[in-house]
PDB file of N, CA and C in Angstrom:
ATOM      1  N   UNK A   1     126.207 -67.142   5.975  1.00  0.00           N
ATOM      2  CA  UNK A   1     127.531 -66.778   5.490  1.00  0.00           C
ATOM      3  C   UNK A   1     128.251 -68.052   5.066  1.00  0.00           C
ATOM      4  N   UNK A   2     128.917 -67.955   3.940  1.00  0.00           N
ATOM      5  CA  UNK A   2     129.713 -69.068   3.436  1.00  0.00           C
ATOM      6  C   UNK A   2     131.151 -68.892   3.916  1.00  0.00           C
ATOM      7  N   UNK A   3     131.701 -69.916   4.558  1.00  0.00           N
ATOM      8  CA  UNK A   3     133.102 -69.894   4.968  1.00  0.00           C
ATOM      9  C   UNK A   3     133.822 -70.912   4.093  1.00  0.00           C
ATOM     10  N   UNK A   4     134.723 -70.408   3.244  1.00  0.00           N
ATOM     11  CA  UNK A   4     135.401 -71.317   2.322  1.00  0.00           C
ATOM     12  C   UNK A   4     136.585 -71.994   2.990  1.00  0.00           C
ATOM     13  N   UNK A   5     136.831 -73.209   2.561  1.00  0.00           N
ATOM     14  CA  UNK A   5     137.992 -73.955   3.026  1.00  0.00           C
ATOM     15  C   UNK A   5     139.182 -73.485   2.192  1.00  0.00           C
ATOM     16  N   UNK A   6     140.169 -72.969   2.851  1.00  0.00           N
ATOM     17  CA  UNK A   6     141.291 -72.346   2.171  1.00  0.00           C
ATOM     18  C   UNK A   6     142.589 -72.771   2.838  1.00  0.00           C
ATOM     19  N   UNK A   7     143.680 -72.663   2.104  1.00  0.00           N
ATOM     20  CA  UNK A   7     144.986 -72.994   2.670  1.00  0.00           C
ATOM     21  C   UNK A   7     145.754 -71.723   2.979  1.00  0.00           C
ATOM     22  N   UNK A   8     146.845 -71.865   3.709  1.00  0.00           N
ATOM     23  CA  UNK A   8     147.704 -70.729   4.028  1.00  0.00           C
ATOM     24  C   UNK A   8     148.800 -70.517   2.980  1.00  0.00           C
ATOM     25  N   UNK A   9     148.761 -71.281   1.902  1.00  0.00           N
ATOM     26  CA  UNK A   9     149.757 -71.145   0.841  1.00  0.00           C
ATOM     27  C   UNK A   9     149.790 -69.689   0.356  1.00  0.00           C
ATOM     28  N   UNK A  10     151.003 -69.154   0.227  1.00  0.00           N
ATOM     29  CA  UNK A  10     151.186 -67.740  -0.119  1.00  0.00           C
ATOM     30  C   UNK A  10     150.949 -67.538  -1.620  1.00  0.00           C
ATOM     31  N   UNK A  11     149.706 -67.725  -2.023  1.00  0.00           N
ATOM     32  CA  UNK A  11     149.311 -67.623  -3.425  1.00  0.00           C
ATOM     33  C   UNK A  11     149.123 -66.156  -3.814  1.00  0.00           C
ATOM     34  N   UNK A  12     148.785 -65.940  -5.083  1.00  0.00           N
ATOM     35  CA  UNK A  12     148.563 -64.578  -5.582  1.00  0.00           C
ATOM     36  C   UNK A  12     147.491 -63.868  -4.756  1.00  0.00           C
ATOM     37  N   UNK A  13     146.409 -64.564  -4.429  1.00  0.00           N
ATOM     38  CA  UNK A  13     145.327 -63.982  -3.628  1.00  0.00           C
ATOM     39  C   UNK A  13     145.827 -63.563  -2.247  1.00  0.00           C
ATOM     40  N   UNK A  14     146.617 -64.417  -1.613  1.00  0.00           N
ATOM     41  CA  UNK A  14     147.135 -64.099  -0.276  1.00  0.00           C
ATOM     42  C   UNK A  14     148.118 -62.936  -0.329  1.00  0.00           C
ATOM     43  N   UNK A  15     148.939 -62.901  -1.382  1.00  0.00           N
ATOM     44  CA  UNK A  15     149.867 -61.785  -1.552  1.00  0.00           C
ATOM     45  C   UNK A  15     149.102 -60.476  -1.715  1.00  0.00           C
ATOM     46  N   UNK A  16     147.984 -60.531  -2.433  1.00  0.00           N
ATOM     47  CA  UNK A  16     147.166 -59.336  -2.626  1.00  0.00           C
ATOM     48  C   UNK A  16     146.573 -58.865  -1.302  1.00  0.00           C
ATOM     49  N   UNK A  17     146.061 -59.788  -0.501  1.00  0.00           N
ATOM     50  CA  UNK A  17     145.504 -59.419   0.807  1.00  0.00           C
ATOM     51  C   UNK A  17     146.585 -58.787   1.684  1.00  0.00           C
ATOM     52  N   UNK A  18     147.755 -59.389   1.697  1.00  0.00           N
ATOM     53  CA  UNK A  18     148.872 -58.880   2.490  1.00  0.00           C
ATOM     54  C   UNK A  18     149.255 -57.468   2.025  1.00  0.00           C
ATOM     55  N   UNK A  19     149.459 -57.300   0.721  1.00  0.00           N
ATOM     56  CA  UNK A  19     149.930 -56.020   0.175  1.00  0.00           C
ATOM     57  C   UNK A  19     148.896 -54.909   0.344  1.00  0.00           C
ATOM     58  N   UNK A  20     147.637 -55.219   0.121  1.00  0.00           N
ATOM     59  CA  UNK A  20     146.606 -54.190   0.263  1.00  0.00           C
ATOM     60  C   UNK A  20     146.504 -53.746   1.718  1.00  0.00           C
ATOM     61  N   UNK A  21     146.531 -54.676   2.648  1.00  0.00           N
ATOM     62  CA  UNK A  21     146.476 -54.301   4.065  1.00  0.00           C
ATOM     63  C   UNK A  21     147.696 -53.476   4.460  1.00  0.00           C
ATOM     64  N   UNK A  22     148.849 -53.844   3.930  1.00  0.00           N
ATOM     65  CA  UNK A  22     150.078 -53.084   4.181  1.00  0.00           C
ATOM     66  C   UNK A  22     149.883 -51.640   3.721  1.00  0.00           C
ATOM     67  N   UNK A  23     149.371 -51.445   2.518  1.00  0.00           N
ATOM     68  CA  UNK A  23     149.165 -50.106   1.978  1.00  0.00           C
ATOM     69  C   UNK A  23     148.052 -49.341   2.665  1.00  0.00           C
ATOM     70  N   UNK A  24     146.977 -50.032   3.013  1.00  0.00           N
ATOM     71  CA  UNK A  24     145.849 -49.370   3.679  1.00  0.00           C
ATOM     72  C   UNK A  24     146.282 -48.819   5.035  1.00  0.00           C
ATOM     73  N   UNK A  25     147.157 -49.548   5.736  1.00  0.00           N
ATOM     74  CA  UNK A  25     147.673 -49.034   7.015  1.00  0.00           C
ATOM     75  C   UNK A  25     148.314 -47.661   6.806  1.00  0.00           C
ATOM     76  N   UNK A  26     149.188 -47.543   5.807  1.00  0.00           N
ATOM     77  CA  UNK A  26     149.865 -46.270   5.562  1.00  0.00           C
ATOM     78  C   UNK A  26     148.892 -45.186   5.105  1.00  0.00           C
ATOM     79  N   UNK A  27     147.867 -45.553   4.361  1.00  0.00           N
ATOM     80  CA  UNK A  27     146.849 -44.579   3.956  1.00  0.00           C
ATOM     81  C   UNK A  27     146.124 -44.032   5.185  1.00  0.00           C
ATOM     82  N   UNK A  28     145.734 -44.927   6.091  1.00  0.00           N
ATOM     83  CA  UNK A  28     145.072 -44.468   7.319  1.00  0.00           C
ATOM     84  C   UNK A  28     146.017 -43.638   8.176  1.00  0.00           C
ATOM     85  N   UNK A  29     147.281 -44.047   8.259  1.00  0.00           N
ATOM     86  CA  UNK A  29     148.232 -43.293   9.080  1.00  0.00           C
ATOM     87  C   UNK A  29     148.441 -41.882   8.529  1.00  0.00           C
ATOM     88  N   UNK A  30     148.402 -41.747   7.212  1.00  0.00           N
ATOM     89  CA  UNK A  30     148.545 -40.430   6.599  1.00  0.00           C
ATOM     90  C   UNK A  30     147.472 -39.474   7.109  1.00  0.00           C
ATOM     91  N   UNK A  31     146.272 -39.995   7.315  1.00  0.00           N
ATOM     92  CA  UNK A  31     145.162 -39.146   7.743  1.00  0.00           C
ATOM     93  C   UNK A  31     144.988 -39.062   9.254  1.00  0.00           C
ATOM     94  N   UNK A  32     145.370 -40.101   9.989  1.00  0.00           N
ATOM     95  CA  UNK A  32     145.130 -40.095  11.433  1.00  0.00           C
ATOM     96  C   UNK A  32     146.362 -39.740  12.244  1.00  0.00           C
ATOM     97  N   UNK A  33     147.545 -40.005  11.728  1.00  0.00           N
ATOM     98  CA  UNK A  33     148.811 -39.836  12.471  1.00  0.00           C
ATOM     99  C   UNK A  33     148.795 -40.616  13.781  1.00  0.00           C
ATOM    100  N   UNK A  34     148.025 -41.703  13.816  1.00  0.00           N
ATOM    101  CA  UNK A  34     147.891 -42.512  15.020  1.00  0.00           C
ATOM    102  C   UNK A  34     148.115 -43.967  14.639  1.00  0.00           C
ATOM    103  N   UNK A  35     149.180 -44.555  15.152  1.00  0.00           N
ATOM    104  CA  UNK A  35     149.564 -45.910  14.811  1.00  0.00           C
ATOM    105  C   UNK A  35     148.487 -46.928  15.183  1.00  0.00           C
ATOM    106  N   UNK A  36     148.003 -46.868  16.399  1.00  0.00           N
ATOM    107  CA  UNK A  36     147.020 -47.851  16.870  1.00  0.00           C
ATOM    108  C   UNK A  36     145.704 -47.717  16.112  1.00  0.00           C
ATOM    109  N   UNK A  37     145.230 -46.488  15.928  1.00  0.00           N
ATOM    110  CA  UNK A  37     143.979 -46.279  15.193  1.00  0.00           C
ATOM    111  C   UNK A  37     144.115 -46.772  13.758  1.00  0.00           C
ATOM    112  N   UNK A  38     145.241 -46.497  13.147  1.00  0.00           N
ATOM    113  CA  UNK A  38     145.462 -46.936  11.763  1.00  0.00           C
ATOM    114  C   UNK A  38     145.475 -48.453  11.669  1.00  0.00           C
ATOM    115  N   UNK A  39     146.110 -49.110  12.620  1.00  0.00           N
ATOM    116  CA  UNK A  39     146.139 -50.575  12.648  1.00  0.00           C
ATOM    117  C   UNK A  39     144.725 -51.131  12.815  1.00  0.00           C
ATOM    118  N   UNK A  40     143.978 -50.586  13.746  1.00  0.00           N
ATOM    119  CA  UNK A  40     142.613 -51.075  13.987  1.00  0.00           C
ATOM    120  C   UNK A  40     141.705 -50.831  12.792  1.00  0.00           C
ATOM    121  N   UNK A  41     141.788 -49.647  12.194  1.00  0.00           N
ATOM    122  CA  UNK A  41     140.967 -49.348  11.014  1.00  0.00           C
ATOM    123  C   UNK A  41     141.300 -50.300   9.869  1.00  0.00           C
ATOM    124  N   UNK A  42     142.586 -50.583   9.692  1.00  0.00           N
ATOM    125  CA  UNK A  42     143.016 -51.487   8.626  1.00  0.00           C
ATOM    126  C   UNK A  42     142.452 -52.885   8.837  1.00  0.00           C
ATOM    127  N   UNK A  43     142.528 -53.374  10.060  1.00  0.00           N
ATOM    128  CA  UNK A  43     141.987 -54.702  10.363  1.00  0.00           C
ATOM    129  C   UNK A  43     140.476 -54.722  10.181  1.00  0.00           C
ATOM    130  N   UNK A  44     139.803 -53.656  10.582  1.00  0.00           N
ATOM    131  CA  UNK A  44     138.348 -53.584  10.419  1.00  0.00           C
ATOM    132  C   UNK A  44     137.941 -53.558   8.945  1.00  0.00           C
ATOM    133  N   UNK A  45     138.696 -52.849   8.114  1.00  0.00           N
ATOM    134  CA  UNK A  45     138.401 -52.828   6.683  1.00  0.00           C
ATOM    135  C   UNK A  45     138.580 -54.229   6.094  1.00  0.00           C
ATOM    136  N   UNK A  46     139.664 -54.906   6.477  1.00  0.00           N
ATOM    137  CA  UNK A  46     139.891 -56.270   6.012  1.00  0.00           C
ATOM    138  C   UNK A  46     138.776 -57.206   6.453  1.00  0.00           C
ATOM    139  N   UNK A  47     138.362 -57.080   7.697  1.00  0.00           N
ATOM    140  CA  UNK A  47     137.284 -57.915   8.215  1.00  0.00           C
ATOM    141  C   UNK A  47     135.972 -57.619   7.497  1.00  0.00           C
ATOM    142  N   UNK A  48     135.684 -56.345   7.290  1.00  0.00           N
ATOM    143  CA  UNK A  48     134.448 -55.970   6.591  1.00  0.00           C
ATOM    144  C   UNK A  48     134.417 -56.552   5.186  1.00  0.00           C
ATOM    145  N   UNK A  49     135.545 -56.512   4.492  1.00  0.00           N
ATOM    146  CA  UNK A  49     135.582 -57.060   3.141  1.00  0.00           C
ATOM    147  C   UNK A  49     135.420 -58.578   3.154  1.00  0.00           C
ATOM    148  N   UNK A  50     136.022 -59.239   4.117  1.00  0.00           N
ATOM    149  CA  UNK A  50     135.874 -60.691   4.213  1.00  0.00           C
ATOM    150  C   UNK A  50     134.429 -61.079   4.529  1.00  0.00           C
ATOM    151  N   UNK A  51     133.794 -60.336   5.412  1.00  0.00           N
ATOM    152  CA  UNK A  51     132.391 -60.618   5.734  1.00  0.00           C
ATOM    153  C   UNK A  51     131.526 -60.383   4.499  1.00  0.00           C
ATOM    154  N   UNK A  52     131.822 -59.304   3.783  1.00  0.00           N
ATOM    155  CA  UNK A  52     131.101 -59.047   2.526  1.00  0.00           C
ATOM    156  C   UNK A  52     131.256 -60.229   1.571  1.00  0.00           C
ATOM    157  N   UNK A  53     132.473 -60.738   1.428  1.00  0.00           N
ATOM    158  CA  UNK A  53     132.703 -61.885   0.551  1.00  0.00           C
ATOM    159  C   UNK A  53     131.944 -63.116   1.030  1.00  0.00           C
ATOM    160  N   UNK A  54     131.782 -63.238   2.340  1.00  0.00           N
ATOM    161  CA  UNK A  54     131.053 -64.369   2.891  1.00  0.00           C
ATOM    162  C   UNK A  54     129.575 -64.354   2.540  1.00  0.00           C
ATOM    163  N   UNK A  55     129.005 -63.157   2.395  1.00  0.00           N
ATOM    164  CA  UNK A  55     127.580 -63.041   2.084  1.00  0.00           C
ATOM    165  C   UNK A  55     127.303 -62.804   0.601  1.00  0.00           C
ATOM    166  N   UNK A  56     128.295 -62.405  -0.155  1.00  0.00           N
ATOM    167  CA  UNK A  56     128.114 -62.081  -1.560  1.00  0.00           C
ATOM    168  C   UNK A  56     128.070 -63.345  -2.425  1.00  0.00           C
ATOM    169  N   UNK A  57     127.165 -63.343  -3.379  1.00  0.00           N
ATOM    170  CA  UNK A  57     127.101 -64.470  -4.313  1.00  0.00           C
ATOM    171  C   UNK A  57     128.167 -64.350  -5.405  1.00  0.00           C
ATOM    172  N   UNK A  58     128.849 -63.221  -5.470  1.00  0.00           N
ATOM    173  CA  UNK A  58     129.883 -62.999  -6.485  1.00  0.00           C
ATOM    174  C   UNK A  58     131.253 -63.496  -6.036  1.00  0.00           C
ATOM    175  N   UNK A  59     131.384 -63.874  -4.766  1.00  0.00           N
ATOM    176  CA  UNK A  59     132.672 -64.300  -4.222  1.00  0.00           C
ATOM    177  C   UNK A  59     132.553 -65.712  -3.652  1.00  0.00           C
ATOM    178  N   UNK A  60     133.700 -66.334  -3.400  1.00  0.00           N
ATOM    179  CA  UNK A  60     133.723 -67.723  -2.930  1.00  0.00           C
ATOM    180  C   UNK A  60     133.364 -67.863  -1.453  1.00  0.00           C
ATOM    181  N   UNK A  61     133.412 -66.789  -0.689  1.00  0.00           N
ATOM    182  CA  UNK A  61     133.075 -66.851   0.728  1.00  0.00           C
ATOM    183  C   UNK A  61     134.150 -66.238   1.607  1.00  0.00           C
ATOM    184  N   UNK A  62     133.846 -66.182   2.883  1.00  0.00           N
ATOM    185  CA  UNK A  62     134.773 -65.667   3.892  1.00  0.00           C
ATOM    186  C   UNK A  62     135.929 -66.655   4.034  1.00  0.00           C
ATOM    187  N   UNK A  63     137.137 -66.127   4.169  1.00  0.00           N
ATOM    188  CA  UNK A  63     138.308 -66.993   4.324  1.00  0.00           C
ATOM    189  C   UNK A  63     139.107 -66.584   5.557  1.00  0.00           C
ATOM    190  N   UNK A  64     139.267 -67.536   6.476  1.00  0.00           N
ATOM    191  CA  UNK A  64     140.099 -67.273   7.652  1.00  0.00           C
ATOM    192  C   UNK A  64     141.543 -67.008   7.228  1.00  0.00           C
ATOM    193  N   UNK A  65     142.010 -67.708   6.210  1.00  0.00           N
ATOM    194  CA  UNK A  65     143.388 -67.530   5.733  1.00  0.00           C
ATOM    195  C   UNK A  65     143.577 -66.138   5.146  1.00  0.00           C
ATOM    196  N   UNK A  66     142.597 -65.657   4.371  1.00  0.00           N
ATOM    197  CA  UNK A  66     142.687 -64.294   3.835  1.00  0.00           C
ATOM    198  C   UNK A  66     142.751 -63.281   4.972  1.00  0.00           C
ATOM    199  N   UNK A  67     141.940 -63.508   5.983  1.00  0.00           N
ATOM    200  CA  UNK A  67     141.927 -62.583   7.124  1.00  0.00           C
ATOM    201  C   UNK A  67     143.261 -62.603   7.856  1.00  0.00           C
ATOM    202  N   UNK A  68     143.869 -63.772   7.955  1.00  0.00           N
ATOM    203  CA  UNK A  68     145.183 -63.878   8.577  1.00  0.00           C
ATOM    204  C   UNK A  68     146.199 -63.034   7.816  1.00  0.00           C
ATOM    205  N   UNK A  69     146.154 -63.099   6.483  1.00  0.00           N
ATOM    206  CA  UNK A  69     147.084 -62.304   5.689  1.00  0.00           C
ATOM    207  C   UNK A  69     146.746 -60.809   5.743  1.00  0.00           C
ATOM    208  N   UNK A  70     145.475 -60.465   5.901  1.00  0.00           N
ATOM    209  CA  UNK A  70     145.112 -59.057   6.109  1.00  0.00           C
ATOM    210  C   UNK A  70     145.770 -58.526   7.385  1.00  0.00           C
ATOM    211  N   UNK A  71     145.642 -59.284   8.449  1.00  0.00           N
ATOM    212  CA  UNK A  71     146.214 -58.874   9.741  1.00  0.00           C
ATOM    213  C   UNK A  71     147.744 -58.867   9.668  1.00  0.00           C
ATOM    214  N   UNK A  72     148.318 -59.862   9.030  1.00  0.00           N
ATOM    215  CA  UNK A  72     149.784 -59.926   8.902  1.00  0.00           C
ATOM    216  C   UNK A  72     150.322 -58.722   8.139  1.00  0.00           C
ATOM    217  N   UNK A  73     149.660 -58.342   7.056  1.00  0.00           N
ATOM    218  CA  UNK A  73     150.105 -57.177   6.286  1.00  0.00           C
ATOM    219  C   UNK A  73     150.074 -55.910   7.114  1.00  0.00           C
ATOM    220  N   UNK A  74     149.020 -55.745   7.899  1.00  0.00           N
ATOM    221  CA  UNK A  74     148.900 -54.560   8.754  1.00  0.00           C
ATOM    222  C   UNK A  74     149.966 -54.567   9.853  1.00  0.00           C
ATOM    223  N   UNK A  75     150.198 -55.706  10.469  1.00  0.00           N
ATOM    224  CA  UNK A  75     151.176 -55.787  11.559  1.00  0.00           C
ATOM    225  C   UNK A  75     152.599 -55.579  11.041  1.00  0.00           C
ATOM    226  N   UNK A  76     152.919 -56.153   9.901  1.00  0.00           N
ATOM    227  CA  UNK A  76     154.253 -55.942   9.321  1.00  0.00           C
ATOM    228  C   UNK A  76     154.442 -54.470   8.977  1.00  0.00           C
ATOM    229  N   UNK A  77     153.397 -53.819   8.471  1.00  0.00           N
ATOM    230  CA  UNK A  77     153.485 -52.383   8.174  1.00  0.00           C
ATOM    231  C   UNK A  77     153.759 -51.582   9.443  1.00  0.00           C
ATOM    232  N   UNK A  78     153.082 -51.926  10.528  1.00  0.00           N
ATOM    233  CA  UNK A  78     153.298 -51.233  11.803  1.00  0.00           C
ATOM    234  C   UNK A  78     154.739 -51.453  12.281  1.00  0.00           C
ATOM    235  N   UNK A  79     155.199 -52.682  12.176  1.00  0.00           N
ATOM    236  CA  UNK A  79     156.572 -52.974  12.634  1.00  0.00           C
ATOM    237  C   UNK A  79     157.593 -52.215  11.810  1.00  0.00           C
ATOM    238  N   UNK A  80     157.451 -52.209  10.500  1.00  0.00           N
ATOM    239  CA  UNK A  80     158.388 -51.477   9.646  1.00  0.00           C
ATOM    240  C   UNK A  80     158.285 -49.969   9.883  1.00  0.00           C
ATOM    241  N   UNK A  81     157.083 -49.508  10.119  1.00  0.00           N
ATOM    242  CA  UNK A  81     156.884 -48.087  10.414  1.00  0.00           C
ATOM    243  C   UNK A  81     157.596 -47.710  11.705  1.00  0.00           C
ATOM    244  N   UNK A  82     157.527 -48.599  12.695  1.00  0.00           N
ATOM    245  CA  UNK A  82     158.206 -48.341  13.955  1.00  0.00           C
ATOM    246  C   UNK A  82     159.724 -48.338  13.813  1.00  0.00           C
ATOM    247  N   UNK A  83     160.241 -49.217  12.986  1.00  0.00           N
ATOM    248  CA  UNK A  83     161.692 -49.335  12.791  1.00  0.00           C
ATOM    249  C   UNK A  83     162.215 -48.253  11.861  1.00  0.00           C
ATOM    250  N   UNK A  84     161.511 -48.015  10.765  1.00  0.00           N
ATOM    251  CA  UNK A  84     161.992 -47.095   9.747  1.00  0.00           C
ATOM    252  C   UNK A  84     161.427 -45.678   9.872  1.00  0.00           C
ATOM    253  N   UNK A  85     160.317 -45.565  10.604  1.00  0.00           N
ATOM    254  CA  UNK A  85     159.616 -44.280  10.679  1.00  0.00           C
ATOM    255  C   UNK A  85     160.236 -43.357  11.619  1.00  0.00           C
TER     256      UNK A  85
END
């Protein structure tokens, strides 16, 4: 597996990881109606995609920073869901 050296700079790629994880949480919640399960499924999907990128020759590799933004997007979605839901 290739692990790319990446920064935490909130670039277009990081914004995409954050936003997709945010949306995926709500998609899972629509079907499960379970906050914890939706959060875990969202994180697992993000992790699976990062691992795929780590092994794929079409991508630059696994990124810890991307994974951080995946988790952040899911957690912010849960927090907003708790406050606004």
